[in-house]
Amino acid sequence: MYIRTDKRRKDTLLVLQDGSDQKLHINGLKLLDHFCYAHGSSLEGRRQAIMKTLGIMQKVPILIDEATREMYFPLFDLRRTINYWINERYIESVAPCTKKTCWIRFLNGREFLFPADVRVVKLQRKRCALYLAKLEQKRVCYEQDVLSIFADEKRGNQNE
């Protein structure tokens, strides 16, 4: 559901959908990189693609898997000592608590308080949705291009 990274302590907390959590002695970005590699890409490759597609430079979400539409987005700039990466796919709702905190309710019913303004989370969710929509649009255009190529070839073979 989410990842909490702490550069000072050099550890990462991975909170899973089944309710368990694991403390890992690995940098959070390395963990995300492993997730990306498991699905055939690298963290930097995914990051560059999203930056270019959305025209953003900071707080770049990361697509882990196109098939499941799994994306993590950061709550803060990557230079921050403590950061959170939220798996957008598992969010049910977001609600403000105070000006600088918000509740995120996940699909499994668990709620967590995060130290970020609700507007940050909503913006990040919009970025994820926009990127996934653009990715789908590119896929459809690609499929149409391929079909038109085969249609042109078929017409060419019939004219011979």
N, C-alpha and C. Protein backbone atom coordinates (compact mmCIF):
# COMPACT_ATOMS: atom_id res chain seq x y z
N MET A 1 0.81 -1.19 0.00
CA MET A 1 0.00 0.00 0.00
C MET A 1 0.85 1.26 0.00
N TYR A 2 1.91 1.24 0.83
CA TYR A 2 2.82 2.39 0.80
C TYR A 2 4.20 2.00 1.31
N ILE A 3 5.14 2.88 0.99
CA ILE A 3 6.53 2.71 1.39
C ILE A 3 6.94 3.97 2.15
N ARG A 4 7.60 3.78 3.29
CA ARG A 4 8.14 4.92 4.05
C ARG A 4 9.65 4.79 4.04
N THR A 5 10.33 5.82 3.54
CA THR A 5 11.78 5.78 3.48
C THR A 5 12.37 6.76 4.50
N ASP A 6 13.47 6.37 5.09
CA ASP A 6 14.18 7.22 6.05
C ASP A 6 15.66 7.16 5.72
N LYS A 7 16.18 8.25 5.17
CA LYS A 7 17.59 8.29 4.77
C LYS A 7 18.54 8.28 5.96
N ARG A 8 18.12 8.88 7.09
CA ARG A 8 18.99 8.92 8.27
C ARG A 8 19.25 7.52 8.81
N ARG A 9 18.17 6.76 8.96
CA ARG A 9 18.30 5.41 9.52
C ARG A 9 18.64 4.37 8.45
N LYS A 10 18.61 4.81 7.20
CA LYS A 10 18.92 3.94 6.06
C LYS A 10 18.05 2.69 6.04
N ASP A 11 16.75 2.91 6.27
CA ASP A 11 15.83 1.78 6.17
C ASP A 11 14.54 2.21 5.50
N THR A 12 13.76 1.21 5.16
CA THR A 12 12.50 1.41 4.45
C THR A 12 11.45 0.52 5.08
N LEU A 13 10.27 1.10 5.30
CA LEU A 13 9.14 0.34 5.81
C LEU A 13 8.19 0.10 4.65
N LEU A 14 7.89 -1.15 4.37
CA LEU A 14 6.97 -1.53 3.31
C LEU A 14 5.69 -2.04 3.95
N VAL A 15 4.59 -1.33 3.74
CA VAL A 15 3.29 -1.72 4.30
C VAL A 15 2.49 -2.37 3.19
N LEU A 16 2.11 -3.62 3.40
CA LEU A 16 1.47 -4.44 2.37
C LEU A 16 -0.05 -4.44 2.49
N GLN A 17 -0.71 -4.81 1.41
CA GLN A 17 -2.17 -4.83 1.34
C GLN A 17 -2.78 -5.81 2.35
N ASP A 18 -2.08 -6.89 2.66
CA ASP A 18 -2.62 -7.88 3.60
C ASP A 18 -2.55 -7.43 5.06
N GLY A 19 -2.03 -6.22 5.29
CA GLY A 19 -1.97 -5.68 6.65
C GLY A 19 -0.62 -5.85 7.31
N SER A 20 0.25 -6.62 6.71
CA SER A 20 1.57 -6.81 7.30
C SER A 20 2.50 -5.69 6.87
N ASP A 21 3.59 -5.54 7.60
CA ASP A 21 4.60 -4.59 7.18
C ASP A 21 5.97 -5.22 7.37
N GLN A 22 6.91 -4.75 6.57
CA GLN A 22 8.26 -5.28 6.62
C GLN A 22 9.24 -4.13 6.67
N LYS A 23 10.19 -4.22 7.61
CA LYS A 23 11.26 -3.24 7.68
C LYS A 23 12.43 -3.80 6.89
N LEU A 24 12.86 -3.03 5.90
CA LEU A 24 13.92 -3.48 5.01
C LEU A 24 15.12 -2.57 5.14
N HIS A 25 16.29 -3.13 5.05
CA HIS A 25 17.52 -2.35 5.10
C HIS A 25 17.99 -2.09 3.67
N ILE A 26 17.15 -1.37 2.94
CA ILE A 26 17.42 -1.02 1.55
C ILE A 26 16.83 0.37 1.33
N ASN A 27 17.48 1.13 0.49
CA ASN A 27 16.98 2.45 0.13
C ASN A 27 15.63 2.28 -0.58
N GLY A 28 14.68 3.16 -0.29
CA GLY A 28 13.35 3.09 -0.89
C GLY A 28 13.36 3.17 -2.40
N LEU A 29 14.26 3.99 -2.95
CA LEU A 29 14.35 4.09 -4.41
C LEU A 29 14.89 2.80 -5.02
N LYS A 30 15.80 2.14 -4.31
CA LYS A 30 16.30 0.85 -4.79
C LYS A 30 15.18 -0.19 -4.79
N LEU A 31 14.32 -0.12 -3.77
CA LEU A 31 13.18 -1.04 -3.71
C LEU A 31 12.25 -0.80 -4.90
N LEU A 32 11.94 0.46 -5.19
CA LEU A 32 11.11 0.78 -6.34
C LEU A 32 11.78 0.34 -7.65
N ASP A 33 13.10 0.50 -7.71
CA ASP A 33 13.85 0.06 -8.89
C ASP A 33 13.70 -1.45 -9.07
N HIS A 34 13.77 -2.21 -7.98
CA HIS A 34 13.57 -3.67 -8.05
C HIS A 34 12.17 -3.99 -8.56
N PHE A 35 11.16 -3.25 -8.06
CA PHE A 35 9.79 -3.45 -8.53
C PHE A 35 9.71 -3.22 -10.04
N CYS A 36 10.34 -2.13 -10.51
CA CYS A 36 10.33 -1.80 -11.94
C CYS A 36 11.03 -2.89 -12.75
N TYR A 37 12.21 -3.34 -12.30
CA TYR A 37 12.94 -4.39 -13.01
C TYR A 37 12.13 -5.68 -13.10
N ALA A 38 11.35 -5.96 -12.07
CA ALA A 38 10.52 -7.17 -12.09
C ALA A 38 9.47 -7.11 -13.20
N HIS A 39 9.20 -5.89 -13.68
CA HIS A 39 8.21 -5.72 -14.75
C HIS A 39 8.85 -5.21 -16.04
N GLY A 40 10.17 -5.39 -16.16
CA GLY A 40 10.83 -5.15 -17.43
C GLY A 40 11.34 -3.75 -17.70
N SER A 41 11.50 -2.94 -16.69
CA SER A 41 12.01 -1.59 -16.90
C SER A 41 12.87 -1.18 -15.71
N SER A 42 13.35 0.05 -15.75
CA SER A 42 14.12 0.58 -14.62
C SER A 42 13.38 1.77 -14.03
N LEU A 43 13.68 2.09 -12.82
CA LEU A 43 13.09 3.25 -12.16
C LEU A 43 13.39 4.50 -12.96
N GLU A 44 14.62 4.67 -13.38
CA GLU A 44 15.00 5.88 -14.11
C GLU A 44 14.30 5.94 -15.46
N GLY A 45 14.16 4.82 -16.13
CA GLY A 45 13.44 4.80 -17.40
C GLY A 45 11.98 5.19 -17.23
N ARG A 46 11.35 4.63 -16.21
CA ARG A 46 9.95 4.97 -15.92
C ARG A 46 9.82 6.44 -15.55
N ARG A 47 10.75 6.90 -14.74
CA ARG A 47 10.72 8.30 -14.29
C ARG A 47 10.84 9.25 -15.47
N GLN A 48 11.78 8.98 -16.36
CA GLN A 48 11.99 9.84 -17.52
C GLN A 48 10.76 9.85 -18.43
N ALA A 49 10.15 8.69 -18.62
CA ALA A 49 8.95 8.60 -19.48
C ALA A 49 7.81 9.45 -18.91
N ILE A 50 7.60 9.37 -17.61
CA ILE A 50 6.51 10.13 -16.99
C ILE A 50 6.83 11.62 -16.99
N MET A 51 8.09 11.97 -16.71
CA MET A 51 8.48 13.38 -16.74
C MET A 51 8.21 13.98 -18.12
N LYS A 52 8.60 13.26 -19.16
CA LYS A 52 8.43 13.75 -20.53
C LYS A 52 6.95 13.82 -20.91
N THR A 53 6.21 12.79 -20.59
CA THR A 53 4.79 12.74 -20.96
C THR A 53 3.96 13.80 -20.25
N LEU A 54 4.22 13.99 -18.95
CA LEU A 54 3.42 14.93 -18.17
C LEU A 54 4.04 16.33 -18.09
N GLY A 55 5.30 16.46 -18.49
CA GLY A 55 5.96 17.76 -18.41
C GLY A 55 6.20 18.21 -16.98
N ILE A 56 6.56 17.27 -16.12
CA ILE A 56 6.83 17.59 -14.71
C ILE A 56 8.26 17.23 -14.35
N MET A 57 8.77 17.87 -13.29
CA MET A 57 10.14 17.62 -12.87
C MET A 57 10.23 17.13 -11.42
N GLN A 58 9.23 17.42 -10.61
CA GLN A 58 9.29 17.09 -9.19
C GLN A 58 8.14 16.17 -8.80
N LYS A 59 8.38 15.40 -7.76
CA LYS A 59 7.38 14.46 -7.23
C LYS A 59 6.80 13.59 -8.33
N VAL A 60 7.67 13.00 -9.10
CA VAL A 60 7.27 12.21 -10.27
C VAL A 60 6.75 10.84 -9.82
N PRO A 61 5.51 10.51 -10.18
CA PRO A 61 5.00 9.16 -9.88
C PRO A 61 5.76 8.13 -10.70
N ILE A 62 5.71 6.89 -10.26
CA ILE A 62 6.41 5.81 -10.96
C ILE A 62 5.43 4.69 -11.28
N LEU A 63 5.34 4.38 -12.57
CA LEU A 63 4.51 3.25 -13.00
C LEU A 63 5.32 1.97 -12.80
N ILE A 64 4.77 1.07 -12.04
CA ILE A 64 5.44 -0.21 -11.79
C ILE A 64 5.03 -1.23 -12.85
N ASP A 65 3.73 -1.33 -13.11
CA ASP A 65 3.23 -2.37 -14.01
C ASP A 65 2.05 -1.84 -14.83
N GLU A 66 2.20 -1.85 -16.16
CA GLU A 66 1.12 -1.39 -17.03
C GLU A 66 -0.11 -2.27 -16.92
N ALA A 67 0.09 -3.57 -16.82
CA ALA A 67 -1.03 -4.51 -16.82
C ALA A 67 -1.96 -4.30 -15.62
N THR A 68 -1.38 -4.10 -14.45
CA THR A 68 -2.20 -3.92 -13.24
C THR A 68 -2.44 -2.44 -12.93
N ARG A 69 -1.78 -1.54 -13.69
CA ARG A 69 -1.88 -0.09 -13.50
C ARG A 69 -1.38 0.34 -12.12
N GLU A 70 -0.40 -0.39 -11.64
CA GLU A 70 0.17 -0.10 -10.32
C GLU A 70 1.17 1.05 -10.43
N MET A 71 0.89 2.12 -9.67
CA MET A 71 1.76 3.30 -9.65
C MET A 71 1.98 3.74 -8.22
N TYR A 72 3.21 4.14 -7.93
CA TYR A 72 3.54 4.75 -6.64
C TYR A 72 3.81 6.23 -6.88
N PHE A 73 3.35 7.07 -5.97
CA PHE A 73 3.69 8.49 -6.06
C PHE A 73 4.29 8.96 -4.74
N PRO A 74 5.27 9.86 -4.81
CA PRO A 74 5.89 10.38 -3.58
C PRO A 74 5.07 11.53 -3.01
N LEU A 75 5.09 11.66 -1.70
CA LEU A 75 4.42 12.80 -1.07
C LEU A 75 5.32 14.03 -1.05
N PHE A 76 6.63 13.80 -1.06
CA PHE A 76 7.57 14.91 -0.93
C PHE A 76 8.66 14.81 -1.99
N ASP A 77 9.46 15.85 -2.05
CA ASP A 77 10.63 15.89 -2.93
C ASP A 77 11.59 14.78 -2.52
N LEU A 78 12.30 14.22 -3.48
CA LEU A 78 13.19 13.09 -3.21
C LEU A 78 14.35 13.43 -2.29
N ARG A 79 14.69 14.70 -2.16
CA ARG A 79 15.81 15.09 -1.29
C ARG A 79 15.44 15.05 0.19
N ARG A 80 14.18 14.95 0.49
CA ARG A 80 13.73 14.97 1.88
C ARG A 80 14.20 13.71 2.62
N THR A 81 14.53 13.87 3.87
CA THR A 81 15.04 12.74 4.67
C THR A 81 14.01 11.62 4.81
N ILE A 82 12.79 11.98 5.16
CA ILE A 82 11.72 10.99 5.27
C ILE A 82 10.71 11.25 4.16
N ASN A 83 10.36 10.20 3.46
CA ASN A 83 9.41 10.33 2.37
C ASN A 83 8.45 9.14 2.39
N TYR A 84 7.33 9.32 1.73
CA TYR A 84 6.33 8.27 1.60
C TYR A 84 6.03 8.09 0.12
N TRP A 85 5.94 6.84 -0.29
CA TRP A 85 5.52 6.49 -1.64
C TRP A 85 4.21 5.72 -1.50
N ILE A 86 3.15 6.26 -2.06
CA ILE A 86 1.83 5.67 -1.91
C ILE A 86 1.46 4.92 -3.19
N ASN A 87 0.93 3.70 -3.03
CA ASN A 87 0.47 2.92 -4.17
C ASN A 87 -0.94 3.38 -4.51
N GLU A 88 -1.07 4.13 -5.61
CA GLU A 88 -2.34 4.74 -5.99
C GLU A 88 -3.44 3.71 -6.22
N ARG A 89 -3.06 2.57 -6.68
CA ARG A 89 -4.03 1.52 -7.01
C ARG A 89 -4.86 1.06 -5.81
N TYR A 90 -4.31 1.17 -4.62
CA TYR A 90 -5.00 0.67 -3.43
C TYR A 90 -5.74 1.74 -2.63
N ILE A 91 -5.76 2.98 -3.11
CA ILE A 91 -6.43 4.05 -2.38
C ILE A 91 -7.93 4.00 -2.62
N GLU A 92 -8.67 4.06 -1.53
CA GLU A 92 -10.13 4.15 -1.63
C GLU A 92 -10.57 5.60 -1.54
N SER A 93 -10.03 6.34 -0.55
CA SER A 93 -10.41 7.74 -0.39
C SER A 93 -9.33 8.51 0.36
N VAL A 94 -9.43 9.83 0.25
CA VAL A 94 -8.50 10.74 0.91
C VAL A 94 -9.33 11.81 1.60
N ALA A 95 -8.96 12.15 2.84
CA ALA A 95 -9.71 13.17 3.58
C ALA A 95 -8.74 14.03 4.38
N PRO A 96 -9.02 15.33 4.46
CA PRO A 96 -8.14 16.21 5.24
C PRO A 96 -8.28 15.93 6.73
N CYS A 97 -7.21 16.16 7.46
CA CYS A 97 -7.25 16.08 8.91
C CYS A 97 -6.95 17.48 9.45
N THR A 98 -5.71 17.93 9.25
CA THR A 98 -5.34 19.31 9.56
C THR A 98 -4.79 19.91 8.28
N LYS A 99 -4.28 21.13 8.36
CA LYS A 99 -3.77 21.77 7.15
C LYS A 99 -2.60 21.00 6.54
N LYS A 100 -1.81 20.34 7.36
CA LYS A 100 -0.62 19.65 6.85
C LYS A 100 -0.68 18.14 7.00
N THR A 101 -1.85 17.60 7.27
CA THR A 101 -1.99 16.14 7.37
C THR A 101 -3.29 15.70 6.69
N CYS A 102 -3.31 14.43 6.29
CA CYS A 102 -4.53 13.88 5.70
C CYS A 102 -4.62 12.39 5.99
N TRP A 103 -5.84 11.90 5.93
CA TRP A 103 -6.11 10.48 6.09
C TRP A 103 -6.20 9.86 4.71
N ILE A 104 -5.56 8.71 4.55
CA ILE A 104 -5.75 7.93 3.34
C ILE A 104 -6.35 6.59 3.76
N ARG A 105 -7.51 6.31 3.18
CA ARG A 105 -8.17 5.02 3.42
C ARG A 105 -7.89 4.13 2.22
N PHE A 106 -7.40 2.92 2.52
CA PHE A 106 -7.07 1.98 1.47
C PHE A 106 -8.21 0.99 1.25
N LEU A 107 -8.16 0.29 0.14
CA LEU A 107 -9.24 -0.63 -0.23
C LEU A 107 -9.48 -1.74 0.79
N ASN A 108 -8.47 -2.08 1.57
CA ASN A 108 -8.64 -3.11 2.60
C ASN A 108 -9.27 -2.57 3.88
N GLY A 109 -9.65 -1.28 3.88
CA GLY A 109 -10.31 -0.67 5.03
C GLY A 109 -9.39 0.02 6.03
N ARG A 110 -8.08 -0.18 5.88
CA ARG A 110 -7.13 0.45 6.79
C ARG A 110 -6.95 1.92 6.44
N GLU A 111 -6.82 2.74 7.48
CA GLU A 111 -6.59 4.17 7.30
C GLU A 111 -5.29 4.55 7.98
N PHE A 112 -4.56 5.45 7.32
CA PHE A 112 -3.31 5.96 7.88
C PHE A 112 -3.30 7.47 7.77
N LEU A 113 -2.69 8.09 8.76
CA LEU A 113 -2.52 9.53 8.76
C LEU A 113 -1.15 9.84 8.15
N PHE A 114 -1.13 10.69 7.13
CA PHE A 114 0.12 11.05 6.47
C PHE A 114 0.40 12.53 6.67
N PRO A 115 1.69 12.88 6.79
CA PRO A 115 2.07 14.28 7.06
C PRO A 115 2.13 15.12 5.78
N ALA A 116 1.02 15.17 5.07
CA ALA A 116 0.96 15.95 3.83
C ALA A 116 -0.43 16.54 3.67
N ASP A 117 -0.49 17.70 3.06
CA ASP A 117 -1.76 18.35 2.77
C ASP A 117 -2.56 17.47 1.80
N VAL A 118 -3.85 17.41 1.99
CA VAL A 118 -4.72 16.59 1.14
C VAL A 118 -4.60 17.01 -0.33
N ARG A 119 -4.31 18.29 -0.59
CA ARG A 119 -4.17 18.77 -1.97
C ARG A 119 -2.99 18.13 -2.68
N VAL A 120 -1.92 17.84 -1.93
CA VAL A 120 -0.75 17.16 -2.51
C VAL A 120 -1.15 15.77 -2.99
N VAL A 121 -1.87 15.05 -2.14
CA VAL A 121 -2.29 13.69 -2.50
C VAL A 121 -3.22 13.71 -3.70
N LYS A 122 -4.16 14.64 -3.70
CA LYS A 122 -5.10 14.73 -4.82
C LYS A 122 -4.38 15.07 -6.12
N LEU A 123 -3.42 15.98 -6.06
CA LEU A 123 -2.64 16.32 -7.26
C LEU A 123 -1.88 15.10 -7.77
N GLN A 124 -1.26 14.37 -6.86
CA GLN A 124 -0.50 13.18 -7.26
C GLN A 124 -1.41 12.12 -7.87
N ARG A 125 -2.60 11.97 -7.32
CA ARG A 125 -3.56 11.01 -7.87
C ARG A 125 -3.99 11.43 -9.28
N LYS A 126 -4.17 12.73 -9.48
CA LYS A 126 -4.52 13.23 -10.81
C LYS A 126 -3.41 12.96 -11.80
N ARG A 127 -2.16 13.14 -11.35
CA ARG A 127 -1.02 12.87 -12.23
C ARG A 127 -1.00 11.40 -12.64
N CYS A 128 -1.25 10.52 -11.69
CA CYS A 128 -1.28 9.08 -12.00
C CYS A 128 -2.38 8.78 -13.02
N ALA A 129 -3.58 9.31 -12.79
CA ALA A 129 -4.70 9.06 -13.70
C ALA A 129 -4.41 9.62 -15.09
N LEU A 130 -3.83 10.80 -15.14
CA LEU A 130 -3.51 11.43 -16.42
C LEU A 130 -2.48 10.60 -17.18
N TYR A 131 -1.45 10.15 -16.49
CA TYR A 131 -0.43 9.36 -17.16
C TYR A 131 -1.01 8.04 -17.68
N LEU A 132 -1.81 7.38 -16.87
CA LEU A 132 -2.41 6.12 -17.31
C LEU A 132 -3.33 6.34 -18.51
N ALA A 133 -4.06 7.45 -18.52
CA ALA A 133 -4.93 7.77 -19.66
C ALA A 133 -4.10 8.02 -20.92
N LYS A 134 -3.01 8.76 -20.77
CA LYS A 134 -2.14 9.03 -21.93
C LYS A 134 -1.48 7.75 -22.43
N LEU A 135 -1.12 6.89 -21.52
CA LEU A 135 -0.52 5.61 -21.89
C LEU A 135 -1.52 4.77 -22.69
N GLU A 136 -2.76 4.75 -22.23
CA GLU A 136 -3.82 4.01 -22.93
C GLU A 136 -4.05 4.61 -24.32
N GLN A 137 -4.06 5.94 -24.40
CA GLN A 137 -4.25 6.62 -25.67
C GLN A 137 -3.13 6.27 -26.65
N LYS A 138 -1.89 6.24 -26.14
CA LYS A 138 -0.76 5.86 -27.00
C LYS A 138 -0.89 4.41 -27.47
N ARG A 139 -1.36 3.54 -26.57
CA ARG A 139 -1.51 2.13 -26.93
C ARG A 139 -2.54 1.98 -28.04
N VAL A 140 -3.67 2.67 -27.92
CA VAL A 140 -4.72 2.60 -28.93
C VAL A 140 -4.21 3.13 -30.26
N CYS A 141 -3.50 4.26 -30.25
CA CYS A 141 -2.93 4.83 -31.49
C CYS A 141 -1.95 3.85 -32.12
N TYR A 142 -1.12 3.22 -31.31
CA TYR A 142 -0.15 2.25 -31.81
C TYR A 142 -0.87 1.07 -32.47
N GLU A 143 -1.91 0.57 -31.80
CA GLU A 143 -2.66 -0.56 -32.36
C GLU A 143 -3.32 -0.17 -33.68
N GLN A 144 -3.85 1.05 -33.76
CA GLN A 144 -4.46 1.52 -35.00
C GLN A 144 -3.42 1.63 -36.11
N ASP A 145 -2.22 2.13 -35.76
CA ASP A 145 -1.14 2.23 -36.75
C ASP A 145 -0.75 0.86 -37.27
N VAL A 146 -0.63 -0.11 -36.38
CA VAL A 146 -0.26 -1.47 -36.79
C VAL A 146 -1.34 -2.06 -37.68
N LEU A 147 -2.60 -1.88 -37.30
CA LEU A 147 -3.70 -2.40 -38.12
C LEU A 147 -3.73 -1.76 -39.50
N SER A 148 -3.45 -0.47 -39.56
CA SER A 148 -3.46 0.21 -40.87
C SER A 148 -2.30 -0.28 -41.73
N ILE A 149 -1.17 -0.58 -41.14
CA ILE A 149 -0.02 -1.12 -41.89
C ILE A 149 -0.39 -2.46 -42.50
N PHE A 150 -1.03 -3.34 -41.69
CA PHE A 150 -1.43 -4.65 -42.21
C PHE A 150 -2.52 -4.51 -43.27
N ALA A 151 -3.42 -3.55 -43.08
CA ALA A 151 -4.47 -3.32 -44.08
C ALA A 151 -3.85 -2.84 -45.38
N ASP A 152 -2.86 -1.95 -45.32
CA ASP A 152 -2.17 -1.47 -46.51
C ASP A 152 -1.44 -2.61 -47.22
N GLU A 153 -0.80 -3.49 -46.44
CA GLU A 153 -0.10 -4.64 -47.01
C GLU A 153 -1.08 -5.58 -47.70
N LYS A 154 -2.24 -5.77 -47.06
CA LYS A 154 -3.24 -6.68 -47.63
C LYS A 154 -3.76 -6.11 -48.95
N ARG A 155 -4.02 -4.80 -48.99
CA ARG A 155 -4.48 -4.15 -50.21
C ARG A 155 -3.40 -4.25 -51.30
N GLY A 156 -2.14 -4.09 -50.89
CA GLY A 156 -1.03 -4.18 -51.85
C GLY A 156 -0.92 -5.57 -52.44
N ASN A 157 -1.15 -6.60 -51.63
CA ASN A 157 -1.08 -7.99 -52.12
C ASN A 157 -2.26 -8.30 -53.03
N GLN A 158 -3.42 -7.70 -52.80
CA GLN A 158 -4.60 -7.95 -53.63
C GLN A 158 -4.44 -7.28 -55.00
N ASN A 159 -3.71 -6.17 -55.06
CA ASN A 159 -3.52 -5.45 -56.32
C ASN A 159 -2.50 -6.12 -57.22
N GLU A 160 -1.74 -7.05 -56.70
CA GLU A 160 -0.68 -7.70 -57.51
C GLU A 160 -1.23 -8.75 -58.41
